[in-house]
Amino acid sequence: MNDHIVSIIVAILTGLATCIPLAVKLYQSVKEAIQEKNWPHLLGLVVDLMEEAEEKFTDGATRKEWVMAMVQTSAEYINYPVDTQALSDMIDALCDMTKI
């Protein structure tokens, strides 16, 4: 009888050990899909803010700092995590494109 209970417990623990990593991976995949879905909206927001910054500030570094602050504030408001390095790279790339 004890052997039977032990084998059931081992089977349950083995199943949990298999399911937990799968659940974590599913969560990460869903989170990435949501962020990718919102990426075009984020890009549009950045472009609009860059245009507004052009009118408000003369210094490029100040413009970028303001745009990043506005995006981060907006993202925090809707609980959307933003990679600041990716955001900085996006702004730099958009600035480079406007110079061409």
PDB file of N, CA and C in Angstrom:
ATOM      1  N   MET A   1       0.820  -1.197   0.000  1.00  0.00           N
ATOM      2  CA  MET A   1       0.000   0.000   0.000  1.00  0.00           C
ATOM      3  C   MET A   1       0.862   1.258   0.000  1.00  0.00           C
ATOM      4  N   ASN A   2       1.884   1.308   0.872  1.00  0.00           N
ATOM      5  CA  ASN A   2       2.772   2.464   0.932  1.00  0.00           C
ATOM      6  C   ASN A   2       3.514   2.657  -0.370  1.00  0.00           C
ATOM      7  N   ASP A   3       3.900   1.549  -1.006  1.00  0.00           N
ATOM      8  CA  ASP A   3       4.607   1.647  -2.286  1.00  0.00           C
ATOM      9  C   ASP A   3       3.698   2.276  -3.342  1.00  0.00           C
ATOM     10  N   HIS A   4       2.432   1.945  -3.295  1.00  0.00           N
ATOM     11  CA  HIS A   4       1.470   2.495  -4.253  1.00  0.00           C
ATOM     12  C   HIS A   4       1.316   4.012  -4.061  1.00  0.00           C
ATOM     13  N   ILE A   5       1.231   4.467  -2.816  1.00  0.00           N
ATOM     14  CA  ILE A   5       1.100   5.893  -2.513  1.00  0.00           C
ATOM     15  C   ILE A   5       2.362   6.636  -2.938  1.00  0.00           C
ATOM     16  N   VAL A   6       3.508   6.042  -2.659  1.00  0.00           N
ATOM     17  CA  VAL A   6       4.774   6.664  -3.039  1.00  0.00           C
ATOM     18  C   VAL A   6       4.861   6.785  -4.555  1.00  0.00           C
ATOM     19  N   SER A   7       4.451   5.767  -5.284  1.00  0.00           N
ATOM     20  CA  SER A   7       4.515   5.830  -6.749  1.00  0.00           C
ATOM     21  C   SER A   7       3.553   6.888  -7.299  1.00  0.00           C
ATOM     22  N   ILE A   8       2.402   7.072  -6.654  1.00  0.00           N
ATOM     23  CA  ILE A   8       1.459   8.120  -7.077  1.00  0.00           C
ATOM     24  C   ILE A   8       2.064   9.504  -6.822  1.00  0.00           C
ATOM     25  N   ILE A   9       2.664   9.683  -5.663  1.00  0.00           N
ATOM     26  CA  ILE A   9       3.288  10.963  -5.329  1.00  0.00           C
ATOM     27  C   ILE A   9       4.424  11.272  -6.306  1.00  0.00           C
ATOM     28  N   VAL A  10       5.238  10.270  -6.626  1.00  0.00           N
ATOM     29  CA  VAL A  10       6.337  10.452  -7.568  1.00  0.00           C
ATOM     30  C   VAL A  10       5.789  10.822  -8.951  1.00  0.00           C
ATOM     31  N   ALA A  11       4.701  10.190  -9.355  1.00  0.00           N
ATOM     32  CA  ALA A  11       4.100  10.488 -10.653  1.00  0.00           C
ATOM     33  C   ALA A  11       3.569  11.923 -10.686  1.00  0.00           C
ATOM     34  N   ILE A  12       2.950  12.350  -9.610  1.00  0.00           N
ATOM     35  CA  ILE A  12       2.430  13.716  -9.528  1.00  0.00           C
ATOM     36  C   ILE A  12       3.571  14.722  -9.576  1.00  0.00           C
ATOM     37  N   LEU A  13       4.625  14.482  -8.806  1.00  0.00           N
ATOM     38  CA  LEU A  13       5.767  15.390  -8.791  1.00  0.00           C
ATOM     39  C   LEU A  13       6.456  15.435 -10.158  1.00  0.00           C
ATOM     40  N   THR A  14       6.545  14.312 -10.829  1.00  0.00           N
ATOM     41  CA  THR A  14       7.131  14.275 -12.167  1.00  0.00           C
ATOM     42  C   THR A  14       6.282  15.084 -13.137  1.00  0.00           C
ATOM     43  N   GLY A  15       4.974  14.940 -13.038  1.00  0.00           N
ATOM     44  CA  GLY A  15       4.072  15.715 -13.888  1.00  0.00           C
ATOM     45  C   GLY A  15       4.201  17.202 -13.644  1.00  0.00           C
ATOM     46  N   LEU A  16       4.291  17.595 -12.369  1.00  0.00           N
ATOM     47  CA  LEU A  16       4.473  19.017 -12.040  1.00  0.00           C
ATOM     48  C   LEU A  16       5.807  19.537 -12.558  1.00  0.00           C
ATOM     49  N   ALA A  17       6.843  18.722 -12.428  1.00  0.00           N
ATOM     50  CA  ALA A  17       8.166  19.143 -12.912  1.00  0.00           C
ATOM     51  C   ALA A  17       8.157  19.364 -14.420  1.00  0.00           C
ATOM     52  N   THR A  18       7.295  18.661 -15.123  1.00  0.00           N
ATOM     53  CA  THR A  18       7.173  18.827 -16.563  1.00  0.00           C
ATOM     54  C   THR A  18       6.273  20.016 -16.899  1.00  0.00           C
ATOM     55  N   CYS A  19       5.205  20.195 -16.185  1.00  0.00           N
ATOM     56  CA  CYS A  19       4.217  21.241 -16.491  1.00  0.00           C
ATOM     57  C   CYS A  19       4.686  22.648 -16.146  1.00  0.00           C
ATOM     58  N   ILE A  20       5.412  22.799 -15.062  1.00  0.00           N
ATOM     59  CA  ILE A  20       5.807  24.146 -14.629  1.00  0.00           C
ATOM     60  C   ILE A  20       6.678  24.844 -15.677  1.00  0.00           C
ATOM     61  N   PRO A  21       7.741  24.216 -16.202  1.00  0.00           N
ATOM     62  CA  PRO A  21       8.520  24.904 -17.240  1.00  0.00           C
ATOM     63  C   PRO A  21       7.698  25.219 -18.491  1.00  0.00           C
ATOM     64  N   LEU A  22       6.768  24.337 -18.846  1.00  0.00           N
ATOM     65  CA  LEU A  22       5.909  24.601 -20.000  1.00  0.00           C
ATOM     66  C   LEU A  22       4.996  25.801 -19.749  1.00  0.00           C
ATOM     67  N   ALA A  23       4.479  25.904 -18.544  1.00  0.00           N
ATOM     68  CA  ALA A  23       3.620  27.039 -18.206  1.00  0.00           C
ATOM     69  C   ALA A  23       4.410  28.348 -18.235  1.00  0.00           C
ATOM     70  N   VAL A  24       5.635  28.316 -17.732  1.00  0.00           N
ATOM     71  CA  VAL A  24       6.489  29.513 -17.757  1.00  0.00           C
ATOM     72  C   VAL A  24       6.781  29.918 -19.198  1.00  0.00           C
ATOM     73  N   LYS A  25       7.101  28.957 -20.041  1.00  0.00           N
ATOM     74  CA  LYS A  25       7.398  29.240 -21.450  1.00  0.00           C
ATOM     75  C   LYS A  25       6.160  29.804 -22.149  1.00  0.00           C
ATOM     76  N   LEU A  26       4.996  29.261 -21.868  1.00  0.00           N
ATOM     77  CA  LEU A  26       3.753  29.762 -22.450  1.00  0.00           C
ATOM     78  C   LEU A  26       3.514  31.206 -22.026  1.00  0.00           C
ATOM     79  N   TYR A  27       3.711  31.494 -20.755  1.00  0.00           N
ATOM     80  CA  TYR A  27       3.542  32.859 -20.254  1.00  0.00           C
ATOM     81  C   TYR A  27       4.482  33.819 -20.982  1.00  0.00           C
ATOM     82  N   GLN A  28       5.748  33.432 -21.140  1.00  0.00           N
ATOM     83  CA  GLN A  28       6.719  34.283 -21.829  1.00  0.00           C
ATOM     84  C   GLN A  28       6.324  34.491 -23.286  1.00  0.00           C
ATOM     85  N   SER A  29       5.840  33.448 -23.937  1.00  0.00           N
ATOM     86  CA  SER A  29       5.436  33.561 -25.335  1.00  0.00           C
ATOM     87  C   SER A  29       4.245  34.494 -25.498  1.00  0.00           C
ATOM     88  N   VAL A  30       3.267  34.378 -24.612  1.00  0.00           N
ATOM     89  CA  VAL A  30       2.094  35.249 -24.666  1.00  0.00           C
ATOM     90  C   VAL A  30       2.501  36.692 -24.403  1.00  0.00           C
ATOM     91  N   LYS A  31       3.376  36.898 -23.430  1.00  0.00           N
ATOM     92  CA  LYS A  31       3.841  38.249 -23.098  1.00  0.00           C
ATOM     93  C   LYS A  31       4.565  38.867 -24.298  1.00  0.00           C
ATOM     94  N   GLU A  32       5.438  38.099 -24.955  1.00  0.00           N
ATOM     95  CA  GLU A  32       6.154  38.598 -26.130  1.00  0.00           C
ATOM     96  C   GLU A  32       5.189  38.909 -27.272  1.00  0.00           C
ATOM     97  N   ALA A  33       4.197  38.060 -27.469  1.00  0.00           N
ATOM     98  CA  ALA A  33       3.219  38.283 -28.540  1.00  0.00           C
ATOM     99  C   ALA A  33       2.441  39.575 -28.303  1.00  0.00           C
ATOM    100  N   ILE A  34       2.080  39.817 -27.055  1.00  0.00           N
ATOM    101  CA  ILE A  34       1.357  41.051 -26.719  1.00  0.00           C
ATOM    102  C   ILE A  34       2.241  42.259 -26.982  1.00  0.00           C
ATOM    103  N   GLN A  35       3.516  42.161 -26.588  1.00  0.00           N
ATOM    104  CA  GLN A  35       4.423  43.288 -26.811  1.00  0.00           C
ATOM    105  C   GLN A  35       4.657  43.511 -28.294  1.00  0.00           C
ATOM    106  N   GLU A  36       4.810  42.443 -29.075  1.00  0.00           N
ATOM    107  CA  GLU A  36       5.016  42.587 -30.509  1.00  0.00           C
ATOM    108  C   GLU A  36       3.781  43.182 -31.177  1.00  0.00           C
ATOM    109  N   LYS A  37       2.613  42.811 -30.690  1.00  0.00           N
ATOM    110  CA  LYS A  37       1.370  43.349 -31.246  1.00  0.00           C
ATOM    111  C   LYS A  37       1.300  44.851 -31.014  1.00  0.00           C
ATOM    112  N   ASN A  38       1.805  45.324 -29.885  1.00  0.00           N
ATOM    113  CA  ASN A  38       1.755  46.739 -29.550  1.00  0.00           C
ATOM    114  C   ASN A  38       2.919  47.533 -30.139  1.00  0.00           C
ATOM    115  N   TRP A  39       3.910  46.849 -30.705  1.00  0.00           N
ATOM    116  CA  TRP A  39       5.093  47.528 -31.217  1.00  0.00           C
ATOM    117  C   TRP A  39       4.759  48.587 -32.271  1.00  0.00           C
ATOM    118  N   PRO A  40       3.875  48.319 -33.250  1.00  0.00           N
ATOM    119  CA  PRO A  40       3.545  49.371 -34.224  1.00  0.00           C
ATOM    120  C   PRO A  40       2.931  50.610 -33.570  1.00  0.00           C
ATOM    121  N   HIS A  41       2.132  50.408 -32.537  1.00  0.00           N
ATOM    122  CA  HIS A  41       1.537  51.531 -31.820  1.00  0.00           C
ATOM    123  C   HIS A  41       2.626  52.332 -31.101  1.00  0.00           C
ATOM    124  N   LEU A  42       3.591  51.618 -30.541  1.00  0.00           N
ATOM    125  CA  LEU A  42       4.693  52.285 -29.864  1.00  0.00           C
ATOM    126  C   LEU A  42       5.513  53.093 -30.866  1.00  0.00           C
ATOM    127  N   LEU A  43       5.754  52.523 -32.027  1.00  0.00           N
ATOM    128  CA  LEU A  43       6.506  53.224 -33.066  1.00  0.00           C
ATOM    129  C   LEU A  43       5.780  54.507 -33.480  1.00  0.00           C
ATOM    130  N   GLY A  44       4.475  54.425 -33.662  1.00  0.00           N
ATOM    131  CA  GLY A  44       3.686  55.602 -34.010  1.00  0.00           C
ATOM    132  C   GLY A  44       3.758  56.669 -32.930  1.00  0.00           C
ATOM    133  N   LEU A  45       3.704  56.247 -31.681  1.00  0.00           N
ATOM    134  CA  LEU A  45       3.808  57.187 -30.563  1.00  0.00           C
ATOM    135  C   LEU A  45       5.169  57.872 -30.572  1.00  0.00           C
ATOM    136  N   VAL A  46       6.227  57.103 -30.802  1.00  0.00           N
ATOM    137  CA  VAL A  46       7.580  57.670 -30.820  1.00  0.00           C
ATOM    138  C   VAL A  46       7.715  58.700 -31.935  1.00  0.00           C
ATOM    139  N   VAL A  47       7.206  58.378 -33.115  1.00  0.00           N
ATOM    140  CA  VAL A  47       7.292  59.315 -34.242  1.00  0.00           C
ATOM    141  C   VAL A  47       6.545  60.609 -33.918  1.00  0.00           C
ATOM    142  N   ASP A  48       5.348  60.492 -33.365  1.00  0.00           N
ATOM    143  CA  ASP A  48       4.576  61.691 -32.999  1.00  0.00           C
ATOM    144  C   ASP A  48       5.314  62.539 -31.957  1.00  0.00           C
ATOM    145  N   LEU A  49       5.890  61.862 -30.973  1.00  0.00           N
ATOM    146  CA  LEU A  49       6.615  62.585 -29.930  1.00  0.00           C
ATOM    147  C   LEU A  49       7.880  63.233 -30.486  1.00  0.00           C
ATOM    148  N   MET A  50       8.536  62.557 -31.434  1.00  0.00           N
ATOM    149  CA  MET A  50       9.735  63.145 -32.044  1.00  0.00           C
ATOM    150  C   MET A  50       9.381  64.423 -32.806  1.00  0.00           C
ATOM    151  N   GLU A  51       8.256  64.398 -33.496  1.00  0.00           N
ATOM    152  CA  GLU A  51       7.811  65.593 -34.220  1.00  0.00           C
ATOM    153  C   GLU A  51       7.516  66.732 -33.245  1.00  0.00           C
ATOM    154  N   GLU A  52       6.884  66.395 -32.134  1.00  0.00           N
ATOM    155  CA  GLU A  52       6.575  67.409 -31.130  1.00  0.00           C
ATOM    156  C   GLU A  52       7.857  67.958 -30.502  1.00  0.00           C
ATOM    157  N   ALA A  53       8.822  67.073 -30.252  1.00  0.00           N
ATOM    158  CA  ALA A  53      10.092  67.494 -29.661  1.00  0.00           C
ATOM    159  C   ALA A  53      10.869  68.422 -30.599  1.00  0.00           C
ATOM    160  N   GLU A  54      10.722  68.194 -31.900  1.00  0.00           N
ATOM    161  CA  GLU A  54      11.384  69.063 -32.891  1.00  0.00           C
ATOM    162  C   GLU A  54      10.951  70.515 -32.709  1.00  0.00           C
ATOM    163  N   GLU A  55       9.684  70.709 -32.388  1.00  0.00           N
ATOM    164  CA  GLU A  55       9.142  72.052 -32.226  1.00  0.00           C
ATOM    165  C   GLU A  55       9.497  72.670 -30.872  1.00  0.00           C
ATOM    166  N   LYS A  56       9.671  71.809 -29.842  1.00  0.00           N
ATOM    167  CA  LYS A  56       9.870  72.315 -28.488  1.00  0.00           C
ATOM    168  C   LYS A  56      11.333  72.580 -28.142  1.00  0.00           C
ATOM    169  N   PHE A  57      12.240  71.764 -28.674  1.00  0.00           N
ATOM    170  CA  PHE A  57      13.628  71.827 -28.243  1.00  0.00           C
ATOM    171  C   PHE A  57      14.563  71.981 -29.451  1.00  0.00           C
ATOM    172  N   THR A  58      15.687  72.644 -29.225  1.00  0.00           N
ATOM    173  CA  THR A  58      16.663  72.829 -30.310  1.00  0.00           C
ATOM    174  C   THR A  58      17.782  71.797 -30.228  1.00  0.00           C
ATOM    175  N   ASP A  59      18.073  71.297 -29.038  1.00  0.00           N
ATOM    176  CA  ASP A  59      19.169  70.352 -28.836  1.00  0.00           C
ATOM    177  C   ASP A  59      18.691  68.917 -29.035  1.00  0.00           C
ATOM    178  N   GLY A  60      19.442  68.143 -29.847  1.00  0.00           N
ATOM    179  CA  GLY A  60      19.066  66.760 -30.142  1.00  0.00           C
ATOM    180  C   GLY A  60      19.020  65.862 -28.924  1.00  0.00           C
ATOM    181  N   ALA A  61      19.998  66.031 -28.007  1.00  0.00           N
ATOM    182  CA  ALA A  61      20.029  65.198 -26.798  1.00  0.00           C
ATOM    183  C   ALA A  61      18.818  65.483 -25.917  1.00  0.00           C
ATOM    184  N   THR A  62      18.425  66.738 -25.836  1.00  0.00           N
ATOM    185  CA  THR A  62      17.250  67.107 -25.043  1.00  0.00           C
ATOM    186  C   THR A  62      15.986  66.529 -25.667  1.00  0.00           C
ATOM    187  N   ARG A  63      15.910  66.586 -26.982  1.00  0.00           N
ATOM    188  CA  ARG A  63      14.748  65.996 -27.681  1.00  0.00           C
ATOM    189  C   ARG A  63      14.625  64.516 -27.361  1.00  0.00           C
ATOM    190  N   LYS A  64      15.746  63.798 -27.497  1.00  0.00           N
ATOM    191  CA  LYS A  64      15.726  62.346 -27.263  1.00  0.00           C
ATOM    192  C   LYS A  64      15.346  62.043 -25.817  1.00  0.00           C
ATOM    193  N   GLU A  65      15.931  62.774 -24.883  1.00  0.00           N
ATOM    194  CA  GLU A  65      15.631  62.566 -23.465  1.00  0.00           C
ATOM    195  C   GLU A  65      14.139  62.783 -23.194  1.00  0.00           C
ATOM    196  N   TRP A  66      13.571  63.838 -23.788  1.00  0.00           N
ATOM    197  CA  TRP A  66      12.152  64.138 -23.591  1.00  0.00           C
ATOM    198  C   TRP A  66      11.267  63.046 -24.182  1.00  0.00           C
ATOM    199  N   VAL A  67      11.611  62.603 -25.402  1.00  0.00           N
ATOM    200  CA  VAL A  67      10.816  61.545 -26.049  1.00  0.00           C
ATOM    201  C   VAL A  67      10.872  60.269 -25.218  1.00  0.00           C
ATOM    202  N   MET A  68      12.061  59.897 -24.759  1.00  0.00           N
ATOM    203  CA  MET A  68      12.184  58.674 -23.951  1.00  0.00           C
ATOM    204  C   MET A  68      11.374  58.788 -22.659  1.00  0.00           C
ATOM    205  N   ALA A  69      11.438  59.944 -22.023  1.00  0.00           N
ATOM    206  CA  ALA A  69      10.684  60.139 -20.775  1.00  0.00           C
ATOM    207  C   ALA A  69       9.185  60.040 -21.024  1.00  0.00           C
ATOM    208  N   MET A  70       8.718  60.641 -22.118  1.00  0.00           N
ATOM    209  CA  MET A  70       7.287  60.599 -22.430  1.00  0.00           C
ATOM    210  C   MET A  70       6.830  59.171 -22.742  1.00  0.00           C
ATOM    211  N   VAL A  71       7.624  58.425 -23.494  1.00  0.00           N
ATOM    212  CA  VAL A  71       7.264  57.043 -23.818  1.00  0.00           C
ATOM    213  C   VAL A  71       7.253  56.194 -22.556  1.00  0.00           C
ATOM    214  N   GLN A  72       8.270  56.338 -21.727  1.00  0.00           N
ATOM    215  CA  GLN A  72       8.326  55.542 -20.504  1.00  0.00           C
ATOM    216  C   GLN A  72       7.163  55.863 -19.573  1.00  0.00           C
ATOM    217  N   THR A  73       6.804  57.128 -19.471  1.00  0.00           N
ATOM    218  CA  THR A  73       5.664  57.517 -18.639  1.00  0.00           C
ATOM    219  C   THR A  73       4.371  56.921 -19.181  1.00  0.00           C
ATOM    220  N   SER A  74       4.199  57.003 -20.496  1.00  0.00           N
ATOM    221  CA  SER A  74       3.001  56.434 -21.113  1.00  0.00           C
ATOM    222  C   SER A  74       2.957  54.923 -20.926  1.00  0.00           C
ATOM    223  N   ALA A  75       4.094  54.265 -21.085  1.00  0.00           N
ATOM    224  CA  ALA A  75       4.157  52.808 -20.950  1.00  0.00           C
ATOM    225  C   ALA A  75       3.857  52.376 -19.518  1.00  0.00           C
ATOM    226  N   GLU A  76       4.375  53.119 -18.555  1.00  0.00           N
ATOM    227  CA  GLU A  76       4.098  52.796 -17.154  1.00  0.00           C
ATOM    228  C   GLU A  76       2.612  52.955 -16.839  1.00  0.00           C
ATOM    229  N   TYR A  77       1.999  53.953 -17.453  1.00  0.00           N
ATOM    230  CA  TYR A  77       0.575  54.220 -17.211  1.00  0.00           C
ATOM    231  C   TYR A  77      -0.291  53.043 -17.648  1.00  0.00           C
ATOM    232  N   ILE A  78       0.087  52.392 -18.746  1.00  0.00           N
ATOM    233  CA  ILE A  78      -0.704  51.247 -19.225  1.00  0.00           C
ATOM    234  C   ILE A  78      -0.057  49.909 -18.861  1.00  0.00           C
ATOM    235  N   ASN A  79       0.963  49.957 -17.989  1.00  0.00           N
ATOM    236  CA  ASN A  79       1.639  48.754 -17.512  1.00  0.00           C
ATOM    237  C   ASN A  79       2.240  47.947 -18.668  1.00  0.00           C
ATOM    238  N   TYR A  80       2.934  48.650 -19.555  1.00  0.00           N
ATOM    239  CA  TYR A  80       3.583  48.035 -20.716  1.00  0.00           C
ATOM    240  C   TYR A  80       5.089  48.177 -20.558  1.00  0.00           C
ATOM    241  N   PRO A  81       5.790  47.075 -20.362  1.00  0.00           N
ATOM    242  CA  PRO A  81       7.240  47.184 -20.153  1.00  0.00           C
ATOM    243  C   PRO A  81       7.952  47.617 -21.431  1.00  0.00           C
ATOM    244  N   VAL A  82       8.841  48.581 -21.316  1.00  0.00           N
ATOM    245  CA  VAL A  82       9.598  49.079 -22.457  1.00  0.00           C
ATOM    246  C   VAL A  82      11.082  48.870 -22.185  1.00  0.00           C
ATOM    247  N   ASP A  83      11.764  48.277 -23.131  1.00  0.00           N
ATOM    248  CA  ASP A  83      13.205  48.108 -23.060  1.00  0.00           C
ATOM    249  C   ASP A  83      13.838  49.453 -23.426  1.00  0.00           C
ATOM    250  N   THR A  84      14.465  50.116 -22.458  1.00  0.00           N
ATOM    251  CA  THR A  84      14.982  51.459 -22.705  1.00  0.00           C
ATOM    252  C   THR A  84      16.090  51.459 -23.752  1.00  0.00           C
ATOM    253  N   GLN A  85      16.891  50.405 -23.806  1.00  0.00           N
ATOM    254  CA  GLN A  85      17.945  50.356 -24.818  1.00  0.00           C
ATOM    255  C   GLN A  85      17.340  50.213 -26.213  1.00  0.00           C
ATOM    256  N   ALA A  86      16.326  49.368 -26.339  1.00  0.00           N
ATOM    257  CA  ALA A  86      15.654  49.211 -27.633  1.00  0.00           C
ATOM    258  C   ALA A  86      14.969  50.512 -28.041  1.00  0.00           C
ATOM    259  N   LEU A  87      14.384  51.205 -27.072  1.00  0.00           N
ATOM    260  CA  LEU A  87      13.744  52.493 -27.343  1.00  0.00           C
ATOM    261  C   LEU A  87      14.775  53.520 -27.819  1.00  0.00           C
ATOM    262  N   SER A  88      15.902  53.567 -27.136  1.00  0.00           N
ATOM    263  CA  SER A  88      16.974  54.489 -27.523  1.00  0.00           C
ATOM    264  C   SER A  88      17.476  54.182 -28.933  1.00  0.00           C
ATOM    265  N   ASP A  89      17.663  52.891 -29.221  1.00  0.00           N
ATOM    266  CA  ASP A  89      18.116  52.490 -30.556  1.00  0.00           C
ATOM    267  C   ASP A  89      17.090  52.860 -31.624  1.00  0.00           C
ATOM    268  N   MET A  90      15.794  52.712 -31.284  1.00  0.00           N
ATOM    269  CA  MET A  90      14.737  53.045 -32.235  1.00  0.00           C
ATOM    270  C   MET A  90      14.757  54.542 -32.555  1.00  0.00           C
ATOM    271  N   ILE A  91      14.917  55.357 -31.533  1.00  0.00           N
ATOM    272  CA  ILE A  91      14.952  56.802 -31.739  1.00  0.00           C
ATOM    273  C   ILE A  91      16.151  57.180 -32.590  1.00  0.00           C
ATOM    274  N   ASP A  92      17.305  56.582 -32.297  1.00  0.00           N
ATOM    275  CA  ASP A  92      18.507  56.862 -33.090  1.00  0.00           C
ATOM    276  C   ASP A  92      18.301  56.465 -34.559  1.00  0.00           C
ATOM    277  N   ALA A  93      17.694  55.290 -34.773  1.00  0.00           N
ATOM    278  CA  ALA A  93      17.464  54.816 -36.134  1.00  0.00           C
ATOM    279  C   ALA A  93      16.491  55.743 -36.871  1.00  0.00           C
ATOM    280  N   LEU A  94      15.450  56.183 -36.183  1.00  0.00           N
ATOM    281  CA  LEU A  94      14.493  57.093 -36.815  1.00  0.00           C
ATOM    282  C   LEU A  94      15.150  58.433 -37.143  1.00  0.00           C
ATOM    283  N   CYS A  95      16.011  58.908 -36.253  1.00  0.00           N
ATOM    284  CA  CYS A  95      16.738  60.154 -36.543  1.00  0.00           C
ATOM    285  C   CYS A  95      17.645  59.973 -37.756  1.00  0.00           C
ATOM    286  N   ASP A  96      18.310  58.831 -37.824  1.00  0.00           N
ATOM    287  CA  ASP A  96      19.189  58.559 -38.975  1.00  0.00           C
ATOM    288  C   ASP A  96      18.383  58.520 -40.261  1.00  0.00           C
ATOM    289  N   MET A  97      17.195  57.939 -40.216  1.00  0.00           N
ATOM    290  CA  MET A  97      16.352  57.843 -41.419  1.00  0.00           C
ATOM    291  C   MET A  97      15.879  59.223 -41.873  1.00  0.00           C
ATOM    292  N   THR A  98      15.617  60.113 -40.934  1.00  0.00           N
ATOM    293  CA  THR A  98      15.135  61.434 -41.321  1.00  0.00           C
ATOM    294  C   THR A  98      16.257  62.266 -41.947  1.00  0.00           C
ATOM    295  N   LYS A  99      17.495  61.918 -41.658  1.00  0.00           N
ATOM    296  CA  LYS A  99      18.625  62.652 -42.232  1.00  0.00           C
ATOM    297  C   LYS A  99      18.928  62.224 -43.671  1.00  0.00           C
ATOM    298  N   ILE A 100      18.444  61.046 -44.049  1.00  0.00           N
ATOM    299  CA  ILE A 100      18.721  60.533 -45.410  1.00  0.00           C
ATOM    300  C   ILE A 100      17.833  61.212 -46.419  1.00  0.00           C
TER     301      ILE A 100
END
